[in-house]
């Protein structure tokens, strides 16, 4: 999968990396802006402490599309944080990449 398959957002934040890390990784803080109900696994499927966390998401309504959202953090020269969010569709086993439509 390439970046062409993803929605990529980048933000420079005034907060230090440790504070941003807590906001994206501690459930009680993360739930304020990303509710656990939106996640298939609220603990994260891949975590590099202090740097990156990836969550699985799934739509609540049919066709229940799954995706991954990855939060990357890095310090900036001024003591702030660069937050990069990459949201991309999840590849499913036996998925040949074709979009199928269901007839009613």
PDB file of N, CA and C in Angstrom:
ATOM      1  N   UNK A   1       0.845  -1.169   0.000  1.00  0.00           N
ATOM      2  CA  UNK A   1       0.000   0.000   0.000  1.00  0.00           C
ATOM      3  C   UNK A   1       0.892   1.235   0.000  1.00  0.00           C
ATOM      4  N   UNK A   2       0.519   2.240  -0.743  1.00  0.00           N
ATOM      5  CA  UNK A   2       1.318   3.446  -0.872  1.00  0.00           C
ATOM      6  C   UNK A   2       0.633   4.610  -0.169  1.00  0.00           C
ATOM      7  N   UNK A   3       1.328   5.735  -0.095  1.00  0.00           N
ATOM      8  CA  UNK A   3       0.733   6.938   0.475  1.00  0.00           C
ATOM      9  C   UNK A   3      -0.440   7.432  -0.360  1.00  0.00           C
ATOM     10  N   UNK A   4      -0.516   7.014  -1.620  1.00  0.00           N
ATOM     11  CA  UNK A   4      -1.644   7.412  -2.466  1.00  0.00           C
ATOM     12  C   UNK A   4      -2.947   6.807  -1.951  1.00  0.00           C
ATOM     13  N   UNK A   5      -2.860   5.732  -1.181  1.00  0.00           N
ATOM     14  CA  UNK A   5      -4.037   5.077  -0.607  1.00  0.00           C
ATOM     15  C   UNK A   5      -4.463   5.710   0.712  1.00  0.00           C
ATOM     16  N   UNK A   6      -3.716   6.681   1.200  1.00  0.00           N
ATOM     17  CA  UNK A   6      -3.912   7.185   2.556  1.00  0.00           C
ATOM     18  C   UNK A   6      -4.318   8.651   2.586  1.00  0.00           C
ATOM     19  N   UNK A   7      -4.972   8.999   3.678  1.00  0.00           N
ATOM     20  CA  UNK A   7      -5.219  10.393   4.028  1.00  0.00           C
ATOM     21  C   UNK A   7      -4.135  10.754   5.030  1.00  0.00           C
ATOM     22  N   UNK A   8      -3.319  11.746   4.707  1.00  0.00           N
ATOM     23  CA  UNK A   8      -2.194  12.119   5.563  1.00  0.00           C
ATOM     24  C   UNK A   8      -2.369  13.563   6.011  1.00  0.00           C
ATOM     25  N   UNK A   9      -2.301  13.749   7.324  1.00  0.00           N
ATOM     26  CA  UNK A   9      -2.417  15.077   7.915  1.00  0.00           C
ATOM     27  C   UNK A   9      -1.188  15.326   8.776  1.00  0.00           C
ATOM     28  N   UNK A  10      -0.656  16.551   8.737  1.00  0.00           N
ATOM     29  CA  UNK A  10       0.497  16.896   9.570  1.00  0.00           C
ATOM     30  C   UNK A  10       0.209  18.195  10.302  1.00  0.00           C
ATOM     31  N   UNK A  11       0.585  18.208  11.580  1.00  0.00           N
ATOM     32  CA  UNK A  11       0.359  19.378  12.428  1.00  0.00           C
ATOM     33  C   UNK A  11       1.618  19.647  13.237  1.00  0.00           C
ATOM     34  N   UNK A  12       1.955  20.916  13.401  1.00  0.00           N
ATOM     35  CA  UNK A  12       2.995  21.326  14.334  1.00  0.00           C
ATOM     36  C   UNK A  12       2.277  21.859  15.566  1.00  0.00           C
ATOM     37  N   UNK A  13       2.532  21.224  16.706  1.00  0.00           N
ATOM     38  CA  UNK A  13       1.853  21.553  17.948  1.00  0.00           C
ATOM     39  C   UNK A  13       2.808  22.234  18.916  1.00  0.00           C
ATOM     40  N   UNK A  14       2.268  23.116  19.762  1.00  0.00           N
ATOM     41  CA  UNK A  14       3.083  23.816  20.757  1.00  0.00           C
ATOM     42  C   UNK A  14       3.422  22.937  21.960  1.00  0.00           C
ATOM     43  N   UNK A  15       2.738  21.844  22.129  1.00  0.00           N
ATOM     44  CA  UNK A  15       2.938  20.960  23.279  1.00  0.00           C
ATOM     45  C   UNK A  15       4.177  20.088  23.087  1.00  0.00           C
ATOM     46  N   UNK A  16       4.853  19.732  24.192  1.00  0.00           N
ATOM     47  CA  UNK A  16       6.016  18.841  24.094  1.00  0.00           C
ATOM     48  C   UNK A  16       5.587  17.420  23.700  1.00  0.00           C
ATOM     49  N   UNK A  17       6.496  16.643  23.100  1.00  0.00           N
ATOM     50  CA  UNK A  17       6.160  15.289  22.659  1.00  0.00           C
ATOM     51  C   UNK A  17       5.560  14.399  23.747  1.00  0.00           C
ATOM     52  N   UNK A  18       6.045  14.489  24.975  1.00  0.00           N
ATOM     53  CA  UNK A  18       5.523  13.625  26.046  1.00  0.00           C
ATOM     54  C   UNK A  18       4.037  13.895  26.290  1.00  0.00           C
ATOM     55  N   UNK A  19       3.628  15.139  26.209  1.00  0.00           N
ATOM     56  CA  UNK A  19       2.218  15.490  26.426  1.00  0.00           C
ATOM     57  C   UNK A  19       1.356  14.999  25.266  1.00  0.00           C
ATOM     58  N   UNK A  20       1.844  15.148  24.039  1.00  0.00           N
ATOM     59  CA  UNK A  20       1.107  14.666  22.869  1.00  0.00           C
ATOM     60  C   UNK A  20       1.011  13.148  22.918  1.00  0.00           C
ATOM     61  N   UNK A  21       2.104  12.483  23.315  1.00  0.00           N
ATOM     62  CA  UNK A  21       2.082  11.022  23.420  1.00  0.00           C
ATOM     63  C   UNK A  21       0.991  10.567  24.379  1.00  0.00           C
ATOM     64  N   UNK A  22       0.882  11.214  25.519  1.00  0.00           N
ATOM     65  CA  UNK A  22      -0.178  10.847  26.477  1.00  0.00           C
ATOM     66  C   UNK A  22      -1.560  11.034  25.848  1.00  0.00           C
ATOM     67  N   UNK A  23      -1.746  12.113  25.108  1.00  0.00           N
ATOM     68  CA  UNK A  23      -3.054  12.400  24.498  1.00  0.00           C
ATOM     69  C   UNK A  23      -3.461  11.367  23.458  1.00  0.00           C
ATOM     70  N   UNK A  24      -2.493  10.755  22.780  1.00  0.00           N
ATOM     71  CA  UNK A  24      -2.838   9.764  21.754  1.00  0.00           C
ATOM     72  C   UNK A  24      -2.791   8.331  22.258  1.00  0.00           C
ATOM     73  N   UNK A  25      -2.177   8.093  23.425  1.00  0.00           N
ATOM     74  CA  UNK A  25      -1.981   6.707  23.858  1.00  0.00           C
ATOM     75  C   UNK A  25      -2.665   6.336  25.170  1.00  0.00           C
ATOM     76  N   UNK A  26      -2.972   7.285  26.029  1.00  0.00           N
ATOM     77  CA  UNK A  26      -3.631   6.985  27.303  1.00  0.00           C
ATOM     78  C   UNK A  26      -5.145   6.997  27.065  1.00  0.00           C
ATOM     79  N   UNK A  27      -5.812   5.845  27.247  1.00  0.00           N
ATOM     80  CA  UNK A  27      -7.239   5.762  26.906  1.00  0.00           C
ATOM     81  C   UNK A  27      -8.121   6.856  27.502  1.00  0.00           C
ATOM     82  N   UNK A  28      -7.927   7.202  28.752  1.00  0.00           N
ATOM     83  CA  UNK A  28      -8.772   8.227  29.379  1.00  0.00           C
ATOM     84  C   UNK A  28      -8.619   9.584  28.699  1.00  0.00           C
ATOM     85  N   UNK A  29      -7.452   9.885  28.187  1.00  0.00           N
ATOM     86  CA  UNK A  29      -7.217  11.151  27.475  1.00  0.00           C
ATOM     87  C   UNK A  29      -7.634  11.039  26.018  1.00  0.00           C
ATOM     88  N   UNK A  30      -7.291   9.919  25.383  1.00  0.00           N
ATOM     89  CA  UNK A  30      -7.629   9.717  23.972  1.00  0.00           C
ATOM     90  C   UNK A  30      -9.140   9.695  23.756  1.00  0.00           C
ATOM     91  N   UNK A  31      -9.890   9.124  24.704  1.00  0.00           N
ATOM     92  CA  UNK A  31     -11.346   9.023  24.568  1.00  0.00           C
ATOM     93  C   UNK A  31     -12.031  10.380  24.457  1.00  0.00           C
ATOM     94  N   UNK A  32     -11.369  11.436  24.869  1.00  0.00           N
ATOM     95  CA  UNK A  32     -11.953  12.782  24.763  1.00  0.00           C
ATOM     96  C   UNK A  32     -12.113  13.228  23.318  1.00  0.00           C
ATOM     97  N   UNK A  33     -11.265  12.716  22.435  1.00  0.00           N
ATOM     98  CA  UNK A  33     -11.331  13.142  21.027  1.00  0.00           C
ATOM     99  C   UNK A  33     -11.414  11.967  20.054  1.00  0.00           C
ATOM    100  N   UNK A  34     -11.122  10.756  20.511  1.00  0.00           N
ATOM    101  CA  UNK A  34     -11.242   9.551  19.680  1.00  0.00           C
ATOM    102  C   UNK A  34     -11.830   8.446  20.551  1.00  0.00           C
ATOM    103  N   UNK A  35     -13.171   8.335  20.574  1.00  0.00           N
ATOM    104  CA  UNK A  35     -13.823   7.376  21.470  1.00  0.00           C
ATOM    105  C   UNK A  35     -13.435   5.929  21.175  1.00  0.00           C
ATOM    106  N   UNK A  36     -13.305   5.138  22.234  1.00  0.00           N
ATOM    107  CA  UNK A  36     -12.962   3.730  22.088  1.00  0.00           C
ATOM    108  C   UNK A  36     -13.968   2.996  21.206  1.00  0.00           C
ATOM    109  N   UNK A  37     -15.207   3.457  21.169  1.00  0.00           N
ATOM    110  CA  UNK A  37     -16.231   2.810  20.334  1.00  0.00           C
ATOM    111  C   UNK A  37     -15.879   2.866  18.849  1.00  0.00           C
ATOM    112  N   UNK A  38     -15.049   3.814  18.447  1.00  0.00           N
ATOM    113  CA  UNK A  38     -14.641   3.929  17.042  1.00  0.00           C
ATOM    114  C   UNK A  38     -13.491   2.982  16.703  1.00  0.00           C
ATOM    115  N   UNK A  39     -12.934   2.343  17.724  1.00  0.00           N
ATOM    116  CA  UNK A  39     -11.757   1.499  17.538  1.00  0.00           C
ATOM    117  C   UNK A  39     -12.100   0.028  17.706  1.00  0.00           C
ATOM    118  N   UNK A  40     -11.481  -0.822  16.879  1.00  0.00           N
ATOM    119  CA  UNK A  40     -11.628  -2.269  17.056  1.00  0.00           C
ATOM    120  C   UNK A  40     -10.770  -2.756  18.212  1.00  0.00           C
ATOM    121  N   UNK A  41      -9.629  -2.141  18.399  1.00  0.00           N
ATOM    122  CA  UNK A  41      -8.717  -2.504  19.483  1.00  0.00           C
ATOM    123  C   UNK A  41      -8.256  -1.222  20.163  1.00  0.00           C
ATOM    124  N   UNK A  42      -8.859  -0.849  21.302  1.00  0.00           N
ATOM    125  CA  UNK A  42      -8.520   0.422  21.933  1.00  0.00           C
ATOM    126  C   UNK A  42      -7.098   0.480  22.491  1.00  0.00           C
ATOM    127  N   UNK A  43      -6.406  -0.657  22.538  1.00  0.00           N
ATOM    128  CA  UNK A  43      -5.036  -0.662  23.050  1.00  0.00           C
ATOM    129  C   UNK A  43      -3.999  -0.339  21.982  1.00  0.00           C
ATOM    130  N   UNK A  44      -4.380  -0.368  20.728  1.00  0.00           N
ATOM    131  CA  UNK A  44      -3.421  -0.141  19.650  1.00  0.00           C
ATOM    132  C   UNK A  44      -2.853  -1.455  19.171  1.00  0.00           C
ATOM    133  N   UNK A  45      -2.704  -1.602  17.876  1.00  0.00           N
ATOM    134  CA  UNK A  45      -2.201  -2.852  17.308  1.00  0.00           C
ATOM    135  C   UNK A  45      -0.696  -2.834  17.112  1.00  0.00           C
ATOM    136  N   UNK A  46      -0.116  -1.649  17.090  1.00  0.00           N
ATOM    137  CA  UNK A  46       1.339  -1.509  16.993  1.00  0.00           C
ATOM    138  C   UNK A  46       1.721  -0.248  17.743  1.00  0.00           C
ATOM    139  N   UNK A  47       2.662  -0.384  18.657  1.00  0.00           N
ATOM    140  CA  UNK A  47       3.059   0.750  19.483  1.00  0.00           C
ATOM    141  C   UNK A  47       4.576   0.802  19.571  1.00  0.00           C
ATOM    142  N   UNK A  48       5.138   1.969  19.281  1.00  0.00           N
ATOM    143  CA  UNK A  48       6.530   2.280  19.569  1.00  0.00           C
ATOM    144  C   UNK A  48       6.459   3.411  20.596  1.00  0.00           C
ATOM    145  N   UNK A  49       6.641   3.090  21.890  1.00  0.00           N
ATOM    146  CA  UNK A  49       6.413   4.079  22.937  1.00  0.00           C
ATOM    147  C   UNK A  49       7.120   5.409  22.686  1.00  0.00           C
ATOM    148  N   UNK A  50       6.331   6.473  22.837  1.00  0.00           N
ATOM    149  CA  UNK A  50       6.855   7.820  22.670  1.00  0.00           C
ATOM    150  C   UNK A  50       6.992   8.284  21.236  1.00  0.00           C
ATOM    151  N   UNK A  51       6.701   7.393  20.262  1.00  0.00           N
ATOM    152  CA  UNK A  51       6.910   7.753  18.863  1.00  0.00           C
ATOM    153  C   UNK A  51       5.715   7.494  17.958  1.00  0.00           C
ATOM    154  N   UNK A  52       5.077   6.316  18.112  1.00  0.00           N
ATOM    155  CA  UNK A  52       4.048   5.937  17.142  1.00  0.00           C
ATOM    156  C   UNK A  52       3.060   4.949  17.759  1.00  0.00           C
ATOM    157  N   UNK A  53       1.793   5.118  17.402  1.00  0.00           N
ATOM    158  CA  UNK A  53       0.772   4.148  17.777  1.00  0.00           C
ATOM    159  C   UNK A  53      -0.193   3.997  16.610  1.00  0.00           C
ATOM    160  N   UNK A  54      -0.601   2.737  16.343  1.00  0.00           N
ATOM    161  CA  UNK A  54      -1.550   2.466  15.259  1.00  0.00           C
ATOM    162  C   UNK A  54      -2.776   1.773  15.838  1.00  0.00           C
ATOM    163  N   UNK A  55      -3.939   2.275  15.449  1.00  0.00           N
ATOM    164  CA  UNK A  55      -5.209   1.716  15.890  1.00  0.00           C
ATOM    165  C   UNK A  55      -5.968   1.170  14.691  1.00  0.00           C
ATOM    166  N   UNK A  56      -6.756   0.117  14.940  1.00  0.00           N
ATOM    167  CA  UNK A  56      -7.684  -0.402  13.925  1.00  0.00           C
ATOM    168  C   UNK A  56      -9.031   0.251  14.168  1.00  0.00           C
ATOM    169  N   UNK A  57      -9.657   0.684  13.080  1.00  0.00           N
ATOM    170  CA  UNK A  57     -10.972   1.292  13.154  1.00  0.00           C
ATOM    171  C   UNK A  57     -11.930   0.504  12.272  1.00  0.00           C
ATOM    172  N   UNK A  58     -13.219   0.609  12.591  1.00  0.00           N
ATOM    173  CA  UNK A  58     -14.238  -0.055  11.777  1.00  0.00           C
ATOM    174  C   UNK A  58     -15.497   0.787  11.812  1.00  0.00           C
ATOM    175  N   UNK A  59     -16.067   1.026  10.626  1.00  0.00           N
ATOM    176  CA  UNK A  59     -17.319   1.772  10.550  1.00  0.00           C
ATOM    177  C   UNK A  59     -18.400   1.063  11.337  1.00  0.00           C
ATOM    178  N   UNK A  60     -19.286   1.827  11.961  1.00  0.00           N
ATOM    179  CA  UNK A  60     -20.372   1.268  12.768  1.00  0.00           C
ATOM    180  C   UNK A  60     -21.540   0.780  11.912  1.00  0.00           C
ATOM    181  N   UNK A  61     -21.587   1.200  10.654  1.00  0.00           N
ATOM    182  CA  UNK A  61     -22.705   0.835   9.770  1.00  0.00           C
ATOM    183  C   UNK A  61     -22.162   0.063   8.558  1.00  0.00           C
ATOM    184  N   UNK A  62     -23.024  -0.755   7.951  1.00  0.00           N
ATOM    185  CA  UNK A  62     -22.596  -1.503   6.757  1.00  0.00           C
ATOM    186  C   UNK A  62     -22.083  -0.543   5.698  1.00  0.00           C
ATOM    187  N   UNK A  63     -21.049  -0.904   5.005  1.00  0.00           N
ATOM    188  CA  UNK A  63     -20.429  -2.230   4.870  1.00  0.00           C
ATOM    189  C   UNK A  63     -19.307  -2.496   5.874  1.00  0.00           C
ATOM    190  N   UNK A  64     -19.261  -1.774   6.991  1.00  0.00           N
ATOM    191  CA  UNK A  64     -18.299  -2.025   8.069  1.00  0.00           C
ATOM    192  C   UNK A  64     -16.858  -2.004   7.569  1.00  0.00           C
ATOM    193  N   UNK A  65     -16.499  -0.949   6.887  1.00  0.00           N
ATOM    194  CA  UNK A  65     -15.153  -0.821   6.321  1.00  0.00           C
ATOM    195  C   UNK A  65     -14.130  -0.663   7.440  1.00  0.00           C
ATOM    196  N   UNK A  66     -13.053  -1.425   7.346  1.00  0.00           N
ATOM    197  CA  UNK A  66     -11.974  -1.340   8.322  1.00  0.00           C
ATOM    198  C   UNK A  66     -10.849  -0.479   7.781  1.00  0.00           C
ATOM    199  N   UNK A  67     -10.156   0.185   8.712  1.00  0.00           N
ATOM    200  CA  UNK A  67      -9.023   1.017   8.343  1.00  0.00           C
ATOM    201  C   UNK A  67      -8.036   1.048   9.504  1.00  0.00           C
ATOM    202  N   UNK A  68      -6.876   1.600   9.235  1.00  0.00           N
ATOM    203  CA  UNK A  68      -5.853   1.816  10.262  1.00  0.00           C
ATOM    204  C   UNK A  68      -5.567   3.305  10.327  1.00  0.00           C
ATOM    205  N   UNK A  69      -5.400   3.806  11.531  1.00  0.00           N
ATOM    206  CA  UNK A  69      -4.954   5.181  11.698  1.00  0.00           C
ATOM    207  C   UNK A  69      -3.693   5.137  12.557  1.00  0.00           C
ATOM    208  N   UNK A  70      -2.640   5.761  12.037  1.00  0.00           N
ATOM    209  CA  UNK A  70      -1.345   5.756  12.716  1.00  0.00           C
ATOM    210  C   UNK A  70      -0.989   7.181  13.091  1.00  0.00           C
ATOM    211  N   UNK A  71      -0.586   7.348  14.346  1.00  0.00           N
ATOM    212  CA  UNK A  71      -0.163   8.643  14.856  1.00  0.00           C
ATOM    213  C   UNK A  71       1.348   8.583  15.080  1.00  0.00           C
ATOM    214  N   UNK A  72       2.093   9.443  14.376  1.00  0.00           N
ATOM    215  CA  UNK A  72       3.549   9.533  14.531  1.00  0.00           C
ATOM    216  C   UNK A  72       3.821  10.864  15.228  1.00  0.00           C
ATOM    217  N   UNK A  73       4.682  10.858  16.230  1.00  0.00           N
ATOM    218  CA  UNK A  73       5.082  12.121  16.831  1.00  0.00           C
ATOM    219  C   UNK A  73       6.599  12.257  16.776  1.00  0.00           C
ATOM    220  N   UNK A  74       7.049  13.492  16.617  1.00  0.00           N
ATOM    221  CA  UNK A  74       8.475  13.784  16.587  1.00  0.00           C
ATOM    222  C   UNK A  74       8.686  15.173  17.175  1.00  0.00           C
ATOM    223  N   UNK A  75       9.784  15.357  17.899  1.00  0.00           N
ATOM    224  CA  UNK A  75      10.046  16.678  18.462  1.00  0.00           C
ATOM    225  C   UNK A  75      10.412  17.673  17.371  1.00  0.00           C
ATOM    226  N   UNK A  76      10.068  18.930  17.599  1.00  0.00           N
ATOM    227  CA  UNK A  76      10.482  20.007  16.704  1.00  0.00           C
ATOM    228  C   UNK A  76      11.614  20.779  17.376  1.00  0.00           C
ATOM    229  N   UNK A  77      12.302  21.602  16.623  1.00  0.00           N
ATOM    230  CA  UNK A  77      13.448  22.344  17.154  1.00  0.00           C
ATOM    231  C   UNK A  77      13.063  23.304  18.270  1.00  0.00           C
ATOM    232  N   UNK A  78      11.823  23.782  18.262  1.00  0.00           N
ATOM    233  CA  UNK A  78      11.401  24.761  19.273  1.00  0.00           C
ATOM    234  C   UNK A  78      10.781  24.125  20.514  1.00  0.00           C
ATOM    235  N   UNK A  79      10.887  22.800  20.659  1.00  0.00           N
ATOM    236  CA  UNK A  79      10.363  22.114  21.830  1.00  0.00           C
ATOM    237  C   UNK A  79       8.938  21.618  21.676  1.00  0.00           C
ATOM    238  N   UNK A  80       8.340  21.860  20.536  1.00  0.00           N
ATOM    239  CA  UNK A  80       6.989  21.393  20.261  1.00  0.00           C
ATOM    240  C   UNK A  80       7.002  20.000  19.658  1.00  0.00           C
ATOM    241  N   UNK A  81       5.916  19.670  18.991  1.00  0.00           N
ATOM    242  CA  UNK A  81       5.764  18.331  18.425  1.00  0.00           C
ATOM    243  C   UNK A  81       5.191  18.406  17.021  1.00  0.00           C
ATOM    244  N   UNK A  82       5.742  17.611  16.124  1.00  0.00           N
ATOM    245  CA  UNK A  82       5.121  17.402  14.816  1.00  0.00           C
ATOM    246  C   UNK A  82       4.301  16.122  14.927  1.00  0.00           C
ATOM    247  N   UNK A  83       3.005  16.254  14.667  1.00  0.00           N
ATOM    248  CA  UNK A  83       2.080  15.122  14.700  1.00  0.00           C
ATOM    249  C   UNK A  83       1.699  14.796  13.271  1.00  0.00           C
ATOM    250  N   UNK A  84       1.960  13.574  12.865  1.00  0.00           N
ATOM    251  CA  UNK A  84       1.599  13.098  11.527  1.00  0.00           C
ATOM    252  C   UNK A  84       0.574  11.984  11.694  1.00  0.00           C
ATOM    253  N   UNK A  85      -0.583  12.151  11.069  1.00  0.00           N
ATOM    254  CA  UNK A  85      -1.665  11.180  11.154  1.00  0.00           C
ATOM    255  C   UNK A  85      -1.839  10.564   9.774  1.00  0.00           C
ATOM    256  N   UNK A  86      -1.760   9.242   9.703  1.00  0.00           N
ATOM    257  CA  UNK A  86      -1.911   8.525   8.437  1.00  0.00           C
ATOM    258  C   UNK A  86      -3.101   7.583   8.595  1.00  0.00           C
ATOM    259  N   UNK A  87      -4.132   7.814   7.803  1.00  0.00           N
ATOM    260  CA  UNK A  87      -5.345   6.989   7.861  1.00  0.00           C
ATOM    261  C   UNK A  87      -5.499   6.307   6.506  1.00  0.00           C
ATOM    262  N   UNK A  88      -5.486   4.967   6.535  1.00  0.00           N
ATOM    263  CA  UNK A  88      -5.581   4.220   5.281  1.00  0.00           C
ATOM    264  C   UNK A  88      -6.478   3.006   5.450  1.00  0.00           C
ATOM    265  N   UNK A  89      -7.071   2.577   4.337  1.00  0.00           N
ATOM    266  CA  UNK A  89      -7.917   1.377   4.396  1.00  0.00           C
ATOM    267  C   UNK A  89      -7.089   0.151   4.764  1.00  0.00           C
ATOM    268  N   UNK A  90      -7.698  -0.754   5.502  1.00  0.00           N
ATOM    269  CA  UNK A  90      -7.026  -2.001   5.860  1.00  0.00           C
ATOM    270  C   UNK A  90      -7.154  -2.975   4.705  1.00  0.00           C
ATOM    271  N   UNK A  91      -6.104  -3.703   4.450  1.00  0.00           N
ATOM    272  CA  UNK A  91      -6.163  -4.779   3.458  1.00  0.00           C
ATOM    273  C   UNK A  91      -6.733  -6.007   4.138  1.00  0.00           C
ATOM    274  N   UNK A  92      -7.618  -6.667   3.479  1.00  0.00           N
ATOM    275  CA  UNK A  92      -8.280  -7.839   4.012  1.00  0.00           C
ATOM    276  C   UNK A  92      -7.775  -9.058   3.248  1.00  0.00           C
ATOM    277  N   UNK A  93      -7.665 -10.188   3.941  1.00  0.00           N
ATOM    278  CA  UNK A  93      -7.224 -11.414   3.284  1.00  0.00           C
ATOM    279  C   UNK A  93      -8.087 -11.691   2.067  1.00  0.00           C
ATOM    280  N   UNK A  94      -7.466 -12.138   0.999  1.00  0.00           N
ATOM    281  CA  UNK A  94      -8.130 -12.452  -0.266  1.00  0.00           C
ATOM    282  C   UNK A  94      -8.702 -11.233  -0.962  1.00  0.00           C
ATOM    283  N   UNK A  95      -8.265 -10.052  -0.561  1.00  0.00           N
ATOM    284  CA  UNK A  95      -8.724  -8.824  -1.207  1.00  0.00           C
ATOM    285  C   UNK A  95      -7.835  -8.571  -2.421  1.00  0.00           C
ATOM    286  N   UNK A  96      -8.423  -8.555  -3.575  1.00  0.00           N
ATOM    287  CA  UNK A  96      -7.644  -8.314  -4.780  1.00  0.00           C
ATOM    288  C   UNK A  96      -7.593  -6.840  -5.156  1.00  0.00           C
ATOM    289  N   UNK A  97      -8.080  -5.977  -4.257  1.00  0.00           N
ATOM    290  CA  UNK A  97      -8.005  -4.550  -4.494  1.00  0.00           C
ATOM    291  C   UNK A  97      -9.154  -3.984  -5.277  1.00  0.00           C
ATOM    292  N   UNK A  98     -10.097  -4.804  -5.702  1.00  0.00           N
ATOM    293  CA  UNK A  98     -11.240  -4.324  -6.468  1.00  0.00           C
ATOM    294  C   UNK A  98     -12.374  -3.928  -5.541  1.00  0.00           C
ATOM    295  N   UNK A  99     -13.016  -2.827  -5.826  1.00  0.00           N
ATOM    296  CA  UNK A  99     -14.173  -2.405  -5.070  1.00  0.00           C
ATOM    297  C   UNK A  99     -15.392  -3.097  -5.643  1.00  0.00           C
ATOM    298  N   UNK A 100     -16.128  -3.758  -4.770  1.00  0.00           N
ATOM    299  CA  UNK A 100     -17.329  -4.466  -5.201  1.00  0.00           C
ATOM    300  C   UNK A 100     -18.553  -3.735  -4.696  1.00  0.00           C
ATOM    301  N   UNK A 101     -19.601  -3.774  -5.472  1.00  0.00           N
ATOM    302  CA  UNK A 101     -20.862  -3.172  -5.065  1.00  0.00           C
ATOM    303  C   UNK A 101     -21.884  -4.276  -4.867  1.00  0.00           C
ATOM    304  N   UNK A 102     -22.706  -4.116  -3.866  1.00  0.00           N
ATOM    305  CA  UNK A 102     -23.723  -5.113  -3.581  1.00  0.00           C
ATOM    306  C   UNK A 102     -25.052  -4.633  -4.161  1.00  0.00           C
ATOM    307  N   UNK A 103     -25.712  -5.478  -4.912  1.00  0.00           N
ATOM    308  CA  UNK A 103     -27.012  -5.138  -5.499  1.00  0.00           C
ATOM    309  C   UNK A 103     -28.093  -5.304  -4.432  1.00  0.00           C
ATOM    310  N   UNK A 104     -29.060  -4.427  -4.462  1.00  0.00           N
ATOM    311  CA  UNK A 104     -30.156  -4.502  -3.471  1.00  0.00           C
ATOM    312  C   UNK A 104     -31.215  -5.485  -3.908  1.00  0.00           C
TER     313      UNK A 104
END
